[in-house]
């Protein structure tokens, strides 16, 4: 079940919701408004420019795979 992030258009509250049915109406937990906009998740964006200095001291500089130097997130 995906977790989506929303921001209420009425009171600007940011909240998360587990979405079981995409057609279920979303309402703000603070003001109960049905006007909410889905936000881009934090982990859906890349942090940094994907490069690290040669021989750097990054804890994720060895190995491979995600966060091990192969995915480009560091």
PDB file of N, CA and C in Angstrom:
ATOM      1  N   UNK A   1       0.832  -1.173   0.000  1.00  0.00           N
ATOM      2  CA  UNK A   1       0.000   0.000   0.000  1.00  0.00           C
ATOM      3  C   UNK A   1       0.882   1.243   0.000  1.00  0.00           C
ATOM      4  N   UNK A   2       0.711   2.095  -0.993  1.00  0.00           N
ATOM      5  CA  UNK A   2       1.548   3.295  -1.051  1.00  0.00           C
ATOM      6  C   UNK A   2       1.134   4.356  -0.036  1.00  0.00           C
ATOM      7  N   UNK A   3       2.112   5.093   0.434  1.00  0.00           N
ATOM      8  CA  UNK A   3       1.881   6.233   1.316  1.00  0.00           C
ATOM      9  C   UNK A   3       2.127   7.486   0.478  1.00  0.00           C
ATOM     10  N   UNK A   4       1.130   8.350   0.419  1.00  0.00           N
ATOM     11  CA  UNK A   4       1.241   9.588  -0.334  1.00  0.00           C
ATOM     12  C   UNK A   4       1.324  10.774   0.613  1.00  0.00           C
ATOM     13  N   UNK A   5       2.033  11.803   0.191  1.00  0.00           N
ATOM     14  CA  UNK A   5       2.151  13.041   0.956  1.00  0.00           C
ATOM     15  C   UNK A   5       1.266  14.080   0.291  1.00  0.00           C
ATOM     16  N   UNK A   6       0.525  14.831   1.112  1.00  0.00           N
ATOM     17  CA  UNK A   6      -0.399  15.846   0.616  1.00  0.00           C
ATOM     18  C   UNK A   6      -0.164  17.156   1.342  1.00  0.00           C
ATOM     19  N   UNK A   7      -0.654  18.248   0.743  1.00  0.00           N
ATOM     20  CA  UNK A   7      -0.731  19.540   1.414  1.00  0.00           C
ATOM     21  C   UNK A   7      -2.155  20.050   1.208  1.00  0.00           C
ATOM     22  N   UNK A   8      -2.768  20.500   2.290  1.00  0.00           N
ATOM     23  CA  UNK A   8      -4.130  21.020   2.257  1.00  0.00           C
ATOM     24  C   UNK A   8      -4.112  22.395   1.599  1.00  0.00           C
ATOM     25  N   UNK A   9      -4.996  22.616   0.642  1.00  0.00           N
ATOM     26  CA  UNK A   9      -5.062  23.903  -0.045  1.00  0.00           C
ATOM     27  C   UNK A   9      -5.729  24.966   0.824  1.00  0.00           C
ATOM     28  N   UNK A  10      -6.479  24.553   1.830  1.00  0.00           N
ATOM     29  CA  UNK A  10      -7.177  25.505   2.697  1.00  0.00           C
ATOM     30  C   UNK A  10      -6.281  26.011   3.838  1.00  0.00           C
ATOM     31  N   UNK A  11      -5.704  25.091   4.629  1.00  0.00           N
ATOM     32  CA  UNK A  11      -4.938  25.499   5.823  1.00  0.00           C
ATOM     33  C   UNK A  11      -3.436  25.256   5.683  1.00  0.00           C
ATOM     34  N   UNK A  12      -2.991  24.726   4.535  1.00  0.00           N
ATOM     35  CA  UNK A  12      -1.564  24.487   4.225  1.00  0.00           C
ATOM     36  C   UNK A  12      -0.911  23.424   5.111  1.00  0.00           C
ATOM     37  N   UNK A  13      -1.703  22.586   5.772  1.00  0.00           N
ATOM     38  CA  UNK A  13      -1.167  21.497   6.571  1.00  0.00           C
ATOM     39  C   UNK A  13      -0.607  20.412   5.652  1.00  0.00           C
ATOM     40  N   UNK A  14       0.580  19.898   5.973  1.00  0.00           N
ATOM     41  CA  UNK A  14       1.159  18.783   5.240  1.00  0.00           C
ATOM     42  C   UNK A  14       0.851  17.509   6.010  1.00  0.00           C
ATOM     43  N   UNK A  15       0.408  16.459   5.282  1.00  0.00           N
ATOM     44  CA  UNK A  15       0.083  15.199   5.933  1.00  0.00           C
ATOM     45  C   UNK A  15       0.317  14.043   4.985  1.00  0.00           C
ATOM     46  N   UNK A  16       0.409  12.832   5.565  1.00  0.00           N
ATOM     47  CA  UNK A  16       0.598  11.600   4.799  1.00  0.00           C
ATOM     48  C   UNK A  16      -0.641  10.742   4.931  1.00  0.00           C
ATOM     49  N   UNK A  17      -0.899   9.934   3.918  1.00  0.00           N
ATOM     50  CA  UNK A  17      -2.064   9.056   3.945  1.00  0.00           C
ATOM     51  C   UNK A  17      -1.730   7.768   3.223  1.00  0.00           C
ATOM     52  N   UNK A  18      -2.060   6.644   3.840  1.00  0.00           N
ATOM     53  CA  UNK A  18      -1.950   5.351   3.172  1.00  0.00           C
ATOM     54  C   UNK A  18      -3.160   5.233   2.254  1.00  0.00           C
ATOM     55  N   UNK A  19      -2.914   5.004   0.976  1.00  0.00           N
ATOM     56  CA  UNK A  19      -3.991   4.965   0.000  1.00  0.00           C
ATOM     57  C   UNK A  19      -4.269   3.519  -0.399  1.00  0.00           C
ATOM     58  N   UNK A  20      -5.417   3.035   0.019  1.00  0.00           N
ATOM     59  CA  UNK A  20      -5.848   1.681  -0.334  1.00  0.00           C
ATOM     60  C   UNK A  20      -6.657   1.719  -1.623  1.00  0.00           C
ATOM     61  N   UNK A  21      -7.516   2.718  -1.738  1.00  0.00           N
ATOM     62  CA  UNK A  21      -8.377   2.888  -2.899  1.00  0.00           C
ATOM     63  C   UNK A  21      -8.125   4.276  -3.468  1.00  0.00           C
ATOM     64  N   UNK A  22      -7.640   4.351  -4.725  1.00  0.00           N
ATOM     65  CA  UNK A  22      -7.311   5.641  -5.321  1.00  0.00           C
ATOM     66  C   UNK A  22      -8.535   6.546  -5.467  1.00  0.00           C
ATOM     67  N   UNK A  23      -9.722   5.993  -5.426  1.00  0.00           N
ATOM     68  CA  UNK A  23     -10.932   6.777  -5.611  1.00  0.00           C
ATOM     69  C   UNK A  23     -11.530   7.257  -4.291  1.00  0.00           C
ATOM     70  N   UNK A  24     -10.921   6.867  -3.175  1.00  0.00           N
ATOM     71  CA  UNK A  24     -11.375   7.323  -1.861  1.00  0.00           C
ATOM     72  C   UNK A  24     -11.016   8.798  -1.687  1.00  0.00           C
ATOM     73  N   UNK A  25     -11.971   9.630  -1.260  1.00  0.00           N
ATOM     74  CA  UNK A  25     -11.653  11.053  -1.086  1.00  0.00           C
ATOM     75  C   UNK A  25     -10.646  11.278   0.040  1.00  0.00           C
ATOM     76  N   UNK A  26      -9.749  12.217  -0.178  1.00  0.00           N
ATOM     77  CA  UNK A  26      -8.725  12.577   0.802  1.00  0.00           C
ATOM     78  C   UNK A  26      -9.213  13.819   1.538  1.00  0.00           C
ATOM     79  N   UNK A  27      -9.101  13.808   2.859  1.00  0.00           N
ATOM     80  CA  UNK A  27      -9.476  15.000   3.626  1.00  0.00           C
ATOM     81  C   UNK A  27      -8.371  15.353   4.604  1.00  0.00           C
ATOM     82  N   UNK A  28      -8.225  16.640   4.844  1.00  0.00           N
ATOM     83  CA  UNK A  28      -7.207  17.164   5.743  1.00  0.00           C
ATOM     84  C   UNK A  28      -7.522  16.758   7.186  1.00  0.00           C
ATOM     85  N   UNK A  29      -6.547  16.228   7.920  1.00  0.00           N
ATOM     86  CA  UNK A  29      -6.786  15.845   9.313  1.00  0.00           C
ATOM     87  C   UNK A  29      -6.991  17.041  10.253  1.00  0.00           C
ATOM     88  N   UNK A  30      -6.579  18.251   9.821  1.00  0.00           N
ATOM     89  CA  UNK A  30      -6.705  19.428  10.676  1.00  0.00           C
ATOM     90  C   UNK A  30      -8.034  20.160  10.450  1.00  0.00           C
ATOM     91  N   UNK A  31      -8.380  20.429   9.184  1.00  0.00           N
ATOM     92  CA  UNK A  31      -9.571  21.229   8.905  1.00  0.00           C
ATOM     93  C   UNK A  31     -10.670  20.467   8.167  1.00  0.00           C
ATOM     94  N   UNK A  32     -10.417  19.217   7.796  1.00  0.00           N
ATOM     95  CA  UNK A  32     -11.369  18.331   7.102  1.00  0.00           C
ATOM     96  C   UNK A  32     -11.691  18.778   5.679  1.00  0.00           C
ATOM     97  N   UNK A  33     -10.900  19.679   5.107  1.00  0.00           N
ATOM     98  CA  UNK A  33     -11.109  20.100   3.734  1.00  0.00           C
ATOM     99  C   UNK A  33     -10.820  18.938   2.792  1.00  0.00           C
ATOM    100  N   UNK A  34     -11.563  18.876   1.698  1.00  0.00           N
ATOM    101  CA  UNK A  34     -11.352  17.838   0.679  1.00  0.00           C
ATOM    102  C   UNK A  34     -10.402  18.324  -0.417  1.00  0.00           C
ATOM    103  N   UNK A  35      -9.873  19.542  -0.263  1.00  0.00           N
ATOM    104  CA  UNK A  35      -8.973  20.120  -1.265  1.00  0.00           C
ATOM    105  C   UNK A  35      -7.534  19.900  -0.836  1.00  0.00           C
ATOM    106  N   UNK A  36      -6.928  18.838  -1.353  1.00  0.00           N
ATOM    107  CA  UNK A  36      -5.541  18.517  -1.022  1.00  0.00           C
ATOM    108  C   UNK A  36      -4.787  18.211  -2.312  1.00  0.00           C
ATOM    109  N   UNK A  37      -3.533  18.626  -2.349  1.00  0.00           N
ATOM    110  CA  UNK A  37      -2.676  18.394  -3.504  1.00  0.00           C
ATOM    111  C   UNK A  37      -1.606  17.386  -3.126  1.00  0.00           C
ATOM    112  N   UNK A  38      -1.400  16.395  -3.988  1.00  0.00           N
ATOM    113  CA  UNK A  38      -0.371  15.386  -3.732  1.00  0.00           C
ATOM    114  C   UNK A  38       1.002  16.021  -3.947  1.00  0.00           C
ATOM    115  N   UNK A  39       1.959  15.654  -3.109  1.00  0.00           N
ATOM    116  CA  UNK A  39       3.311  16.197  -3.159  1.00  0.00           C
ATOM    117  C   UNK A  39       4.292  15.137  -3.639  1.00  0.00           C
ATOM    118  N   UNK A  40       5.413  15.582  -4.146  1.00  0.00           N
ATOM    119  CA  UNK A  40       6.489  14.686  -4.548  1.00  0.00           C
ATOM    120  C   UNK A  40       7.184  14.176  -3.296  1.00  0.00           C
ATOM    121  N   UNK A  41       7.318  12.883  -3.162  1.00  0.00           N
ATOM    122  CA  UNK A  41       7.952  12.301  -1.978  1.00  0.00           C
ATOM    123  C   UNK A  41       9.427  12.654  -1.909  1.00  0.00           C
ATOM    124  N   UNK A  42       9.949  12.744  -0.690  1.00  0.00           N
ATOM    125  CA  UNK A  42      11.348  13.079  -0.468  1.00  0.00           C
ATOM    126  C   UNK A  42      12.256  12.048  -1.115  1.00  0.00           C
ATOM    127  N   UNK A  43      11.945  10.762  -0.970  1.00  0.00           N
ATOM    128  CA  UNK A  43      12.827   9.736  -1.515  1.00  0.00           C
ATOM    129  C   UNK A  43      12.666   9.558  -3.017  1.00  0.00           C
ATOM    130  N   UNK A  44      11.796  10.310  -3.654  1.00  0.00           N
ATOM    131  CA  UNK A  44      11.648  10.247  -5.099  1.00  0.00           C
ATOM    132  C   UNK A  44      12.586  11.218  -5.806  1.00  0.00           C
ATOM    133  N   UNK A  45      13.321  12.014  -5.047  1.00  0.00           N
ATOM    134  CA  UNK A  45      14.262  12.954  -5.638  1.00  0.00           C
ATOM    135  C   UNK A  45      15.682  12.573  -5.245  1.00  0.00           C
ATOM    136  N   UNK A  46      16.632  12.959  -6.069  1.00  0.00           N
ATOM    137  CA  UNK A  46      18.030  12.660  -5.776  1.00  0.00           C
ATOM    138  C   UNK A  46      18.608  13.727  -4.869  1.00  0.00           C
ATOM    139  N   UNK A  47      19.348  13.317  -3.850  1.00  0.00           N
ATOM    140  CA  UNK A  47      20.017  14.249  -2.951  1.00  0.00           C
ATOM    141  C   UNK A  47      21.456  14.401  -3.409  1.00  0.00           C
ATOM    142  N   UNK A  48      21.852  15.596  -3.723  1.00  0.00           N
ATOM    143  CA  UNK A  48      23.217  15.820  -4.183  1.00  0.00           C
ATOM    144  C   UNK A  48      23.322  15.671  -5.687  1.00  0.00           C
ATOM    145  N   UNK A  49      24.554  15.687  -6.162  1.00  0.00           N
ATOM    146  CA  UNK A  49      24.767  15.643  -7.604  1.00  0.00           C
ATOM    147  C   UNK A  49      25.221  14.282  -8.101  1.00  0.00           C
ATOM    148  N   UNK A  50      25.271  13.292  -7.239  1.00  0.00           N
ATOM    149  CA  UNK A  50      25.616  11.941  -7.664  1.00  0.00           C
ATOM    150  C   UNK A  50      27.095  11.661  -7.764  1.00  0.00           C
ATOM    151  N   UNK A  51      27.942  12.613  -7.394  1.00  0.00           N
ATOM    152  CA  UNK A  51      29.377  12.369  -7.474  1.00  0.00           C
ATOM    153  C   UNK A  51      29.994  12.523  -6.097  1.00  0.00           C
ATOM    154  N   UNK A  52      31.051  11.794  -5.865  1.00  0.00           N
ATOM    155  CA  UNK A  52      31.800  11.925  -4.627  1.00  0.00           C
ATOM    156  C   UNK A  52      33.270  11.945  -4.972  1.00  0.00           C
ATOM    157  N   UNK A  53      34.072  12.616  -4.163  1.00  0.00           N
ATOM    158  CA  UNK A  53      35.497  12.686  -4.458  1.00  0.00           C
ATOM    159  C   UNK A  53      36.150  11.308  -4.384  1.00  0.00           C
ATOM    160  N   UNK A  54      37.168  11.127  -5.170  1.00  0.00           N
ATOM    161  CA  UNK A  54      37.899   9.863  -5.187  1.00  0.00           C
ATOM    162  C   UNK A  54      38.536   9.616  -3.829  1.00  0.00           C
ATOM    163  N   UNK A  55      38.269   8.445  -3.263  1.00  0.00           N
ATOM    164  CA  UNK A  55      38.843   8.099  -1.978  1.00  0.00           C
ATOM    165  C   UNK A  55      38.207   8.854  -0.833  1.00  0.00           C
ATOM    166  N   UNK A  56      36.990   9.341  -1.031  1.00  0.00           N
ATOM    167  CA  UNK A  56      36.321  10.137  -0.011  1.00  0.00           C
ATOM    168  C   UNK A  56      35.985   9.333   1.220  1.00  0.00           C
ATOM    169  N   UNK A  57      35.588  10.014   2.266  1.00  0.00           N
ATOM    170  CA  UNK A  57      35.292   9.356   3.531  1.00  0.00           C
ATOM    171  C   UNK A  57      33.804   9.087   3.717  1.00  0.00           C
ATOM    172  N   UNK A  58      33.047   9.075   2.637  1.00  0.00           N
ATOM    173  CA  UNK A  58      31.616   8.813   2.720  1.00  0.00           C
ATOM    174  C   UNK A  58      31.378   7.395   3.203  1.00  0.00           C
ATOM    175  N   UNK A  59      30.462   7.191   4.160  1.00  0.00           N
ATOM    176  CA  UNK A  59      30.206   5.844   4.643  1.00  0.00           C
ATOM    177  C   UNK A  59      29.601   4.945   3.583  1.00  0.00           C
ATOM    178  N   UNK A  60      29.028   5.520   2.539  1.00  0.00           N
ATOM    179  CA  UNK A  60      28.410   4.720   1.494  1.00  0.00           C
ATOM    180  C   UNK A  60      29.316   4.602   0.274  1.00  0.00           C
ATOM    181  N   UNK A  61      30.630   4.766   0.446  1.00  0.00           N
ATOM    182  CA  UNK A  61      31.518   4.797  -0.709  1.00  0.00           C
ATOM    183  C   UNK A  61      32.018   3.422  -1.129  1.00  0.00           C
ATOM    184  N   UNK A  62      31.629   2.363  -0.481  1.00  0.00           N
ATOM    185  CA  UNK A  62      32.072   1.041  -0.884  1.00  0.00           C
ATOM    186  C   UNK A  62      30.906   0.173  -1.263  1.00  0.00           C
ATOM    187  N   UNK A  63      31.155  -0.986  -1.738  1.00  0.00           N
ATOM    188  CA  UNK A  63      30.079  -1.926  -2.022  1.00  0.00           C
ATOM    189  C   UNK A  63      29.478  -1.734  -3.387  1.00  0.00           C
ATOM    190  N   UNK A  64      28.308  -1.302  -3.456  1.00  0.00           N
ATOM    191  CA  UNK A  64      27.557  -1.146  -4.701  1.00  0.00           C
ATOM    192  C   UNK A  64      26.091  -1.224  -4.349  1.00  0.00           C
ATOM    193  N   UNK A  65      25.256  -1.011  -5.331  1.00  0.00           N
ATOM    194  CA  UNK A  65      23.821  -1.006  -5.050  1.00  0.00           C
ATOM    195  C   UNK A  65      23.410   0.330  -4.463  1.00  0.00           C
ATOM    196  N   UNK A  66      22.156   0.444  -4.131  1.00  0.00           N
ATOM    197  CA  UNK A  66      21.630   1.714  -3.638  1.00  0.00           C
ATOM    198  C   UNK A  66      22.341   2.131  -2.352  1.00  0.00           C
ATOM    199  N   UNK A  67      22.751   3.356  -2.306  1.00  0.00           N
ATOM    200  CA  UNK A  67      23.464   3.969  -1.185  1.00  0.00           C
ATOM    201  C   UNK A  67      24.818   3.320  -0.928  1.00  0.00           C
ATOM    202  N   UNK A  68      25.274   2.529  -1.883  1.00  0.00           N
ATOM    203  CA  UNK A  68      26.597   1.951  -1.796  1.00  0.00           C
ATOM    204  C   UNK A  68      27.454   2.434  -2.943  1.00  0.00           C
ATOM    205  N   UNK A  69      26.978   3.448  -3.649  1.00  0.00           N
ATOM    206  CA  UNK A  69      27.757   4.024  -4.721  1.00  0.00           C
ATOM    207  C   UNK A  69      27.253   3.704  -6.109  1.00  0.00           C
ATOM    208  N   UNK A  70      26.359   2.737  -6.266  1.00  0.00           N
ATOM    209  CA  UNK A  70      25.918   2.347  -7.591  1.00  0.00           C
ATOM    210  C   UNK A  70      24.648   3.032  -8.076  1.00  0.00           C
ATOM    211  N   UNK A  71      23.905   3.649  -7.179  1.00  0.00           N
ATOM    212  CA  UNK A  71      22.625   4.232  -7.597  1.00  0.00           C
ATOM    213  C   UNK A  71      22.713   5.710  -7.920  1.00  0.00           C
ATOM    214  N   UNK A  72      23.778   6.377  -7.553  1.00  0.00           N
ATOM    215  CA  UNK A  72      23.943   7.783  -7.850  1.00  0.00           C
ATOM    216  C   UNK A  72      23.260   8.714  -6.865  1.00  0.00           C
ATOM    217  N   UNK A  73      22.810   8.203  -5.736  1.00  0.00           N
ATOM    218  CA  UNK A  73      22.116   9.073  -4.773  1.00  0.00           C
ATOM    219  C   UNK A  73      23.080   9.848  -3.900  1.00  0.00           C
ATOM    220  N   UNK A  74      24.340   9.524  -3.878  1.00  0.00           N
ATOM    221  CA  UNK A  74      25.319  10.284  -3.069  1.00  0.00           C
ATOM    222  C   UNK A  74      26.399  10.828  -3.943  1.00  0.00           C
TER     223      UNK A  74
END
